[in-house]
Amino acid sequence: MTETRDEWIKKRAYALWEEEGYPTGRDSIHWEQARHERDTLEGSAATPNGKEVKAKAKRTVTGSKTTNGVVKPAPKRTASRKTAS
């Protein structure tokens, strides 16, 4: 059985509510967070009727520094400050 997008969001929002200790008045915040998480996960690949669809296969990154398939972030740059003359 395939879970619809709204069912997934409902379950995730409920889990967020539980994780925060059952607070009152935060239902819309939990719903929006769950909706945002779902959008991020599916890459906006839902069908118009809200049915879940399989995510597209991830593309491999070429030409970047990787270790065991994990892309390493670039080192942080420090800004040089000019002194006022």
PDB file of N, CA and C in Angstrom:
ATOM      1  N   MET A   1       0.841  -1.169   0.000  1.00  0.00           N
ATOM      2  CA  MET A   1       0.000   0.000   0.000  1.00  0.00           C
ATOM      3  C   MET A   1       0.895   1.244   0.000  1.00  0.00           C
ATOM      4  N   THR A   2       0.555   2.168  -0.849  1.00  0.00           N
ATOM      5  CA  THR A   2       1.339   3.386  -0.970  1.00  0.00           C
ATOM      6  C   THR A   2       0.771   4.466  -0.061  1.00  0.00           C
ATOM      7  N   GLU A   3       1.650   5.119   0.645  1.00  0.00           N
ATOM      8  CA  GLU A   3       1.255   6.183   1.555  1.00  0.00           C
ATOM      9  C   GLU A   3       1.154   7.499   0.778  1.00  0.00           C
ATOM     10  N   THR A   4       0.076   8.241   0.986  1.00  0.00           N
ATOM     11  CA  THR A   4      -0.044   9.517   0.302  1.00  0.00           C
ATOM     12  C   THR A   4       0.835  10.553   0.983  1.00  0.00           C
ATOM     13  N   ARG A   5       1.055  11.629   0.273  1.00  0.00           N
ATOM     14  CA  ARG A   5       1.895  12.722   0.771  1.00  0.00           C
ATOM     15  C   ARG A   5       1.314  13.280   2.076  1.00  0.00           C
ATOM     16  N   ASP A   6       0.002  13.507   2.096  1.00  0.00           N
ATOM     17  CA  ASP A   6      -0.637  14.062   3.293  1.00  0.00           C
ATOM     18  C   ASP A   6      -0.548  13.123   4.487  1.00  0.00           C
ATOM     19  N   GLU A   7      -0.640  11.817   4.240  1.00  0.00           N
ATOM     20  CA  GLU A   7      -0.506  10.852   5.338  1.00  0.00           C
ATOM     21  C   GLU A   7       0.901  10.915   5.926  1.00  0.00           C
ATOM     22  N   TRP A   8       1.909  11.024   5.048  1.00  0.00           N
ATOM     23  CA  TRP A   8       3.291  11.109   5.506  1.00  0.00           C
ATOM     24  C   TRP A   8       3.485  12.368   6.335  1.00  0.00           C
ATOM     25  N   ILE A   9       2.981  13.494   5.838  1.00  0.00           N
ATOM     26  CA  ILE A   9       3.124  14.768   6.549  1.00  0.00           C
ATOM     27  C   ILE A   9       2.425  14.700   7.909  1.00  0.00           C
ATOM     28  N   LYS A  10       1.246  14.102   7.938  1.00  0.00           N
ATOM     29  CA  LYS A  10       0.501  13.974   9.192  1.00  0.00           C
ATOM     30  C   LYS A  10       1.288  13.166  10.225  1.00  0.00           C
ATOM     31  N   LYS A  11       1.860  12.042   9.790  1.00  0.00           N
ATOM     32  CA  LYS A  11       2.642  11.213  10.702  1.00  0.00           C
ATOM     33  C   LYS A  11       3.900  11.936  11.176  1.00  0.00           C
ATOM     34  N   ARG A  12       4.560  12.651  10.274  1.00  0.00           N
ATOM     35  CA  ARG A  12       5.788  13.365  10.637  1.00  0.00           C
ATOM     36  C   ARG A  12       5.484  14.514  11.592  1.00  0.00           C
ATOM     37  N   ALA A  13       4.399  15.260  11.328  1.00  0.00           N
ATOM     38  CA  ALA A  13       4.021  16.361  12.212  1.00  0.00           C
ATOM     39  C   ALA A  13       3.710  15.828  13.610  1.00  0.00           C
ATOM     40  N   TYR A  14       3.053  14.686  13.690  1.00  0.00           N
ATOM     41  CA  TYR A  14       2.744  14.070  14.976  1.00  0.00           C
ATOM     42  C   TYR A  14       4.036  13.683  15.704  1.00  0.00           C
ATOM     43  N   ALA A  15       4.999  13.127  14.954  1.00  0.00           N
ATOM     44  CA  ALA A  15       6.279  12.745  15.557  1.00  0.00           C
ATOM     45  C   ALA A  15       7.018  13.979  16.079  1.00  0.00           C
ATOM     46  N   LEU A  16       6.977  15.075  15.335  1.00  0.00           N
ATOM     47  CA  LEU A  16       7.606  16.318  15.791  1.00  0.00           C
ATOM     48  C   LEU A  16       6.952  16.814  17.076  1.00  0.00           C
ATOM     49  N   TRP A  17       5.626  16.729  17.138  1.00  0.00           N
ATOM     50  CA  TRP A  17       4.870  17.135  18.320  1.00  0.00           C
ATOM     51  C   TRP A  17       5.294  16.297  19.529  1.00  0.00           C
ATOM     52  N   GLU A  18       5.432  14.982  19.312  1.00  0.00           N
ATOM     53  CA  GLU A  18       5.866  14.103  20.400  1.00  0.00           C
ATOM     54  C   GLU A  18       7.286  14.432  20.856  1.00  0.00           C
ATOM     55  N   GLU A  19       8.182  14.662  19.880  1.00  0.00           N
ATOM     56  CA  GLU A  19       9.576  14.962  20.197  1.00  0.00           C
ATOM     57  C   GLU A  19       9.714  16.231  21.034  1.00  0.00           C
ATOM     58  N   GLU A  20       8.809  17.187  20.839  1.00  0.00           N
ATOM     59  CA  GLU A  20       8.868  18.443  21.585  1.00  0.00           C
ATOM     60  C   GLU A  20       8.146  18.368  22.924  1.00  0.00           C
ATOM     61  N   GLY A  21       7.596  17.214  23.256  1.00  0.00           N
ATOM     62  CA  GLY A  21       6.960  17.049  24.556  1.00  0.00           C
ATOM     63  C   GLY A  21       5.496  17.426  24.591  1.00  0.00           C
ATOM     64  N   TYR A  22       4.787  17.272  23.469  1.00  0.00           N
ATOM     65  CA  TYR A  22       3.343  17.495  23.371  1.00  0.00           C
ATOM     66  C   TYR A  22       2.918  18.939  23.679  1.00  0.00           C
ATOM     67  N   PRO A  23       3.587  19.941  23.095  1.00  0.00           N
ATOM     68  CA  PRO A  23       3.195  21.327  23.378  1.00  0.00           C
ATOM     69  C   PRO A  23       1.865  21.681  22.706  1.00  0.00           C
ATOM     70  N   THR A  24       1.146  22.609  23.306  1.00  0.00           N
ATOM     71  CA  THR A  24      -0.109  23.056  22.705  1.00  0.00           C
ATOM     72  C   THR A  24       0.144  24.284  21.835  1.00  0.00           C
ATOM     73  N   GLY A  25      -0.670  24.440  20.799  1.00  0.00           N
ATOM     74  CA  GLY A  25      -0.613  25.623  19.960  1.00  0.00           C
ATOM     75  C   GLY A  25       0.500  25.646  18.928  1.00  0.00           C
ATOM     76  N   ARG A  26       1.173  24.525  18.701  1.00  0.00           N
ATOM     77  CA  ARG A  26       2.260  24.506  17.712  1.00  0.00           C
ATOM     78  C   ARG A  26       1.946  23.568  16.550  1.00  0.00           C
ATOM     79  N   ASP A  27       0.685  23.215  16.378  1.00  0.00           N
ATOM     80  CA  ASP A  27       0.314  22.261  15.334  1.00  0.00           C
ATOM     81  C   ASP A  27       0.639  22.771  13.935  1.00  0.00           C
ATOM     82  N   SER A  28       0.394  24.039  13.673  1.00  0.00           N
ATOM     83  CA  SER A  28       0.671  24.564  12.329  1.00  0.00           C
ATOM     84  C   SER A  28       2.170  24.628  12.060  1.00  0.00           C
ATOM     85  N   ILE A  29       2.960  24.868  13.091  1.00  0.00           N
ATOM     86  CA  ILE A  29       4.421  24.897  12.940  1.00  0.00           C
ATOM     87  C   ILE A  29       4.935  23.496  12.616  1.00  0.00           C
ATOM     88  N   HIS A  30       4.426  22.499  13.333  1.00  0.00           N
ATOM     89  CA  HIS A  30       4.835  21.118  13.072  1.00  0.00           C
ATOM     90  C   HIS A  30       4.402  20.681  11.676  1.00  0.00           C
ATOM     91  N   TRP A  31       3.203  21.061  11.268  1.00  0.00           N
ATOM     92  CA  TRP A  31       2.699  20.689   9.940  1.00  0.00           C
ATOM     93  C   TRP A  31       3.587  21.307   8.855  1.00  0.00           C
ATOM     94  N   GLU A  32       3.915  22.583   8.988  1.00  0.00           N
ATOM     95  CA  GLU A  32       4.742  23.247   7.978  1.00  0.00           C
ATOM     96  C   GLU A  32       6.149  22.661   7.939  1.00  0.00           C
ATOM     97  N   GLN A  33       6.706  22.329   9.088  1.00  0.00           N
ATOM     98  CA  GLN A  33       8.026  21.724   9.118  1.00  0.00           C
ATOM     99  C   GLN A  33       7.991  20.362   8.435  1.00  0.00           C
ATOM    100  N   ALA A  34       6.968  19.572   8.728  1.00  0.00           N
ATOM    101  CA  ALA A  34       6.831  18.254   8.108  1.00  0.00           C
ATOM    102  C   ALA A  34       6.632  18.390   6.600  1.00  0.00           C
ATOM    103  N   ARG A  35       5.832  19.362   6.174  1.00  0.00           N
ATOM    104  CA  ARG A  35       5.609  19.589   4.745  1.00  0.00           C
ATOM    105  C   ARG A  35       6.914  19.973   4.052  1.00  0.00           C
ATOM    106  N   HIS A  36       7.678  20.837   4.701  1.00  0.00           N
ATOM    107  CA  HIS A  36       8.965  21.257   4.139  1.00  0.00           C
ATOM    108  C   HIS A  36       9.926  20.068   4.033  1.00  0.00           C
ATOM    109  N   GLU A  37       9.965  19.227   5.062  1.00  0.00           N
ATOM    110  CA  GLU A  37      10.819  18.038   5.035  1.00  0.00           C
ATOM    111  C   GLU A  37      10.417  17.110   3.893  1.00  0.00           C
ATOM    112  N   ARG A  38       9.117  16.940   3.705  1.00  0.00           N
ATOM    113  CA  ARG A  38       8.633  16.073   2.618  1.00  0.00           C
ATOM    114  C   ARG A  38       9.016  16.647   1.260  1.00  0.00           C
ATOM    115  N   ASP A  39       8.837  17.952   1.094  1.00  0.00           N
ATOM    116  CA  ASP A  39       9.215  18.590  -0.168  1.00  0.00           C
ATOM    117  C   ASP A  39      10.695  18.395  -0.452  1.00  0.00           C
ATOM    118  N   THR A  40      11.500  18.509   0.584  1.00  0.00           N
ATOM    119  CA  THR A  40      12.937  18.335   0.428  1.00  0.00           C
ATOM    120  C   THR A  40      13.268  16.899   0.057  1.00  0.00           C
ATOM    121  N   LEU A  41      12.628  15.940   0.710  1.00  0.00           N
ATOM    122  CA  LEU A  41      12.898  14.533   0.438  1.00  0.00           C
ATOM    123  C   LEU A  41      12.505  14.122  -0.971  1.00  0.00           C
ATOM    124  N   GLU A  42      11.366  14.575  -1.408  1.00  0.00           N
ATOM    125  CA  GLU A  42      10.876  14.116  -2.703  1.00  0.00           C
ATOM    126  C   GLU A  42      11.322  14.999  -3.853  1.00  0.00           C
ATOM    127  N   GLY A  43      11.917  16.126  -3.554  1.00  0.00           N
ATOM    128  CA  GLY A  43      12.362  17.003  -4.625  1.00  0.00           C
ATOM    129  C   GLY A  43      11.202  17.453  -5.490  1.00  0.00           C
ATOM    130  N   SER A  44      10.041  17.664  -4.852  1.00  0.00           N
ATOM    131  CA  SER A  44       8.824  18.086  -5.544  1.00  0.00           C
ATOM    132  C   SER A  44       8.420  17.111  -6.639  1.00  0.00           C
ATOM    133  N   ALA A  45       8.567  15.808  -6.362  1.00  0.00           N
ATOM    134  CA  ALA A  45       8.244  14.784  -7.352  1.00  0.00           C
ATOM    135  C   ALA A  45       6.871  14.161  -7.125  1.00  0.00           C
ATOM    136  N   ALA A  46       6.025  14.801  -6.334  1.00  0.00           N
ATOM    137  CA  ALA A  46       4.691  14.244  -6.074  1.00  0.00           C
ATOM    138  C   ALA A  46       3.799  14.437  -7.286  1.00  0.00           C
ATOM    139  N   THR A  47       2.888  13.510  -7.470  1.00  0.00           N
ATOM    140  CA  THR A  47       1.918  13.637  -8.545  1.00  0.00           C
ATOM    141  C   THR A  47       0.830  14.600  -8.095  1.00  0.00           C
ATOM    142  N   PRO A  48       0.041  15.137  -9.004  1.00  0.00           N
ATOM    143  CA  PRO A  48      -1.004  16.087  -8.622  1.00  0.00           C
ATOM    144  C   PRO A  48      -2.009  15.551  -7.603  1.00  0.00           C
ATOM    145  N   ASN A  49      -2.253  14.227  -7.593  1.00  0.00           N
ATOM    146  CA  ASN A  49      -3.213  13.667  -6.641  1.00  0.00           C
ATOM    147  C   ASN A  49      -2.598  13.378  -5.276  1.00  0.00           C
ATOM    148  N   GLY A  50      -1.312  13.694  -5.086  1.00  0.00           N
ATOM    149  CA  GLY A  50      -0.672  13.536  -3.789  1.00  0.00           C
ATOM    150  C   GLY A  50      -0.102  12.166  -3.520  1.00  0.00           C
ATOM    151  N   LYS A  51      -0.195  11.251  -4.486  1.00  0.00           N
ATOM    152  CA  LYS A  51       0.356   9.912  -4.294  1.00  0.00           C
ATOM    153  C   LYS A  51       1.870   9.973  -4.293  1.00  0.00           C
ATOM    154  N   GLU A  52       2.462   9.136  -3.485  1.00  0.00           N
ATOM    155  CA  GLU A  52       3.914   9.094  -3.390  1.00  0.00           C
ATOM    156  C   GLU A  52       4.494   8.469  -4.656  1.00  0.00           C
ATOM    157  N   VAL A  53       5.569   9.039  -5.138  1.00  0.00           N
ATOM    158  CA  VAL A  53       6.265   8.487  -6.294  1.00  0.00           C
ATOM    159  C   VAL A  53       7.695   8.191  -5.906  1.00  0.00           C
ATOM    160  N   LYS A  54       8.319   7.288  -6.635  1.00  0.00           N
ATOM    161  CA  LYS A  54       9.702   6.944  -6.332  1.00  0.00           C
ATOM    162  C   LYS A  54      10.604   8.112  -6.686  1.00  0.00           C
ATOM    163  N   ALA A  55      11.574   8.359  -5.836  1.00  0.00           N
ATOM    164  CA  ALA A  55      12.524   9.439  -6.080  1.00  0.00           C
ATOM    165  C   ALA A  55      13.451   9.045  -7.221  1.00  0.00           C
ATOM    166  N   LYS A  56      13.909  10.042  -7.938  1.00  0.00           N
ATOM    167  CA  LYS A  56      14.837   9.799  -9.028  1.00  0.00           C
ATOM    168  C   LYS A  56      16.180   9.366  -8.457  1.00  0.00           C
ATOM    169  N   ALA A  57      16.907   8.587  -9.235  1.00  0.00           N
ATOM    170  CA  ALA A  57      18.221   8.128  -8.797  1.00  0.00           C
ATOM    171  C   ALA A  57      19.162   9.318  -8.672  1.00  0.00           C
ATOM    172  N   LYS A  58      19.988   9.274  -7.647  1.00  0.00           N
ATOM    173  CA  LYS A  58      20.932  10.369  -7.438  1.00  0.00           C
ATOM    174  C   LYS A  58      22.045  10.286  -8.468  1.00  0.00           C
ATOM    175  N   ARG A  59      22.449  11.449  -8.938  1.00  0.00           N
ATOM    176  CA  ARG A  59      23.568  11.506  -9.865  1.00  0.00           C
ATOM    177  C   ARG A  59      24.864  11.476  -9.078  1.00  0.00           C
ATOM    178  N   THR A  60      25.873  10.908  -9.679  1.00  0.00           N
ATOM    179  CA  THR A  60      27.171  10.887  -9.009  1.00  0.00           C
ATOM    180  C   THR A  60      27.921  12.161  -9.341  1.00  0.00           C
ATOM    181  N   VAL A  61      28.698  12.608  -8.395  1.00  0.00           N
ATOM    182  CA  VAL A  61      29.470  13.823  -8.565  1.00  0.00           C
ATOM    183  C   VAL A  61      30.829  13.439  -9.127  1.00  0.00           C
ATOM    184  N   THR A  62      31.216  14.096 -10.204  1.00  0.00           N
ATOM    185  CA  THR A  62      32.523  13.820 -10.782  1.00  0.00           C
ATOM    186  C   THR A  62      33.394  15.049 -10.662  1.00  0.00           C
ATOM    187  N   GLY A  63      34.671  14.829 -10.506  1.00  0.00           N
ATOM    188  CA  GLY A  63      35.609  15.932 -10.457  1.00  0.00           C
ATOM    189  C   GLY A  63      35.687  16.640  -9.118  1.00  0.00           C
ATOM    190  N   SER A  64      35.107  16.096  -8.071  1.00  0.00           N
ATOM    191  CA  SER A  64      35.200  16.727  -6.757  1.00  0.00           C
ATOM    192  C   SER A  64      35.926  15.774  -5.814  1.00  0.00           C
ATOM    193  N   LYS A  65      36.324  16.290  -4.705  1.00  0.00           N
ATOM    194  CA  LYS A  65      37.049  15.485  -3.722  1.00  0.00           C
ATOM    195  C   LYS A  65      36.057  14.639  -2.936  1.00  0.00           C
ATOM    196  N   THR A  66      36.130  13.341  -3.110  1.00  0.00           N
ATOM    197  CA  THR A  66      35.225  12.456  -2.393  1.00  0.00           C
ATOM    198  C   THR A  66      36.012  11.373  -1.675  1.00  0.00           C
ATOM    199  N   THR A  67      35.435  10.877  -0.587  1.00  0.00           N
ATOM    200  CA  THR A  67      35.977   9.753   0.148  1.00  0.00           C
ATOM    201  C   THR A  67      34.822   8.820   0.448  1.00  0.00           C
ATOM    202  N   ASN A  68      34.867   7.631  -0.104  1.00  0.00           N
ATOM    203  CA  ASN A  68      33.789   6.655   0.079  1.00  0.00           C
ATOM    204  C   ASN A  68      32.435   7.229  -0.291  1.00  0.00           C
ATOM    205  N   GLY A  69      32.375   8.011  -1.352  1.00  0.00           N
ATOM    206  CA  GLY A  69      31.117   8.565  -1.822  1.00  0.00           C
ATOM    207  C   GLY A  69      30.646   9.798  -1.083  1.00  0.00           C
ATOM    208  N   VAL A  70      31.438  10.302  -0.129  1.00  0.00           N
ATOM    209  CA  VAL A  70      31.044  11.477   0.643  1.00  0.00           C
ATOM    210  C   VAL A  70      31.836  12.676   0.131  1.00  0.00           C
ATOM    211  N   VAL A  71      31.133  13.717  -0.250  1.00  0.00           N
ATOM    212  CA  VAL A  71      31.789  14.917  -0.743  1.00  0.00           C
ATOM    213  C   VAL A  71      32.281  15.729   0.435  1.00  0.00           C
ATOM    214  N   LYS A  72      33.563  16.087   0.408  1.00  0.00           N
ATOM    215  CA  LYS A  72      34.132  16.891   1.476  1.00  0.00           C
ATOM    216  C   LYS A  72      33.890  18.361   1.184  1.00  0.00           C
ATOM    217  N   PRO A  73      33.479  19.131   2.169  1.00  0.00           N
ATOM    218  CA  PRO A  73      33.264  20.560   1.944  1.00  0.00           C
ATOM    219  C   PRO A  73      34.591  21.270   1.737  1.00  0.00           C
ATOM    220  N   ALA A  74      34.537  22.374   1.030  1.00  0.00           N
ATOM    221  CA  ALA A  74      35.735  23.172   0.800  1.00  0.00           C
ATOM    222  C   ALA A  74      36.176  23.777   2.130  1.00  0.00           C
ATOM    223  N   PRO A  75      37.480  23.980   2.311  1.00  0.00           N
ATOM    224  CA  PRO A  75      37.936  24.589   3.562  1.00  0.00           C
ATOM    225  C   PRO A  75      37.406  26.008   3.699  1.00  0.00           C
ATOM    226  N   LYS A  76      37.161  26.409   4.940  1.00  0.00           N
ATOM    227  CA  LYS A  76      36.634  27.752   5.191  1.00  0.00           C
ATOM    228  C   LYS A  76      37.723  28.785   4.927  1.00  0.00           C
ATOM    229  N   ARG A  77      37.298  29.871   4.315  1.00  0.00           N
ATOM    230  CA  ARG A  77      38.235  30.956   4.063  1.00  0.00           C
ATOM    231  C   ARG A  77      38.086  31.994   5.146  1.00  0.00           C
ATOM    232  N   THR A  78      39.184  32.579   5.504  1.00  0.00           N
ATOM    233  CA  THR A  78      39.129  33.665   6.477  1.00  0.00           C
ATOM    234  C   THR A  78      39.319  34.973   5.733  1.00  0.00           C
ATOM    235  N   ALA A  79      38.507  35.921   6.038  1.00  0.00           N
ATOM    236  CA  ALA A  79      38.580  37.212   5.364  1.00  0.00           C
ATOM    237  C   ALA A  79      39.721  38.034   5.955  1.00  0.00           C
ATOM    238  N   SER A  80      40.477  38.661   5.081  1.00  0.00           N
ATOM    239  CA  SER A  80      41.534  39.539   5.569  1.00  0.00           C
ATOM    240  C   SER A  80      40.940  40.927   5.777  1.00  0.00           C
ATOM    241  N   ARG A  81      41.356  41.566   6.835  1.00  0.00           N
ATOM    242  CA  ARG A  81      40.829  42.904   7.143  1.00  0.00           C
ATOM    243  C   ARG A  81      41.868  43.950   6.800  1.00  0.00           C
ATOM    244  N   LYS A  82      41.392  44.974   6.151  1.00  0.00           N
ATOM    245  CA  LYS A  82      42.284  46.083   5.843  1.00  0.00           C
ATOM    246  C   LYS A  82      42.191  47.099   6.965  1.00  0.00           C
ATOM    247  N   THR A  83      43.313  47.655   7.309  1.00  0.00           N
ATOM    248  CA  THR A  83      43.302  48.659   8.366  1.00  0.00           C
ATOM    249  C   THR A  83      43.112  50.026   7.746  1.00  0.00           C
ATOM    250  N   ALA A  84      42.397  50.880   8.461  1.00  0.00           N
ATOM    251  CA  ALA A  84      42.149  52.238   7.973  1.00  0.00           C
ATOM    252  C   ALA A  84      43.433  53.052   8.071  1.00  0.00           C
ATOM    253  N   SER A  85      43.720  53.822   7.032  1.00  0.00           N
ATOM    254  CA  SER A  85      44.955  54.629   7.038  1.00  0.00           C
ATOM    255  C   SER A  85      44.674  56.047   7.423  1.00  0.00           C
TER     256      SER A  85
END
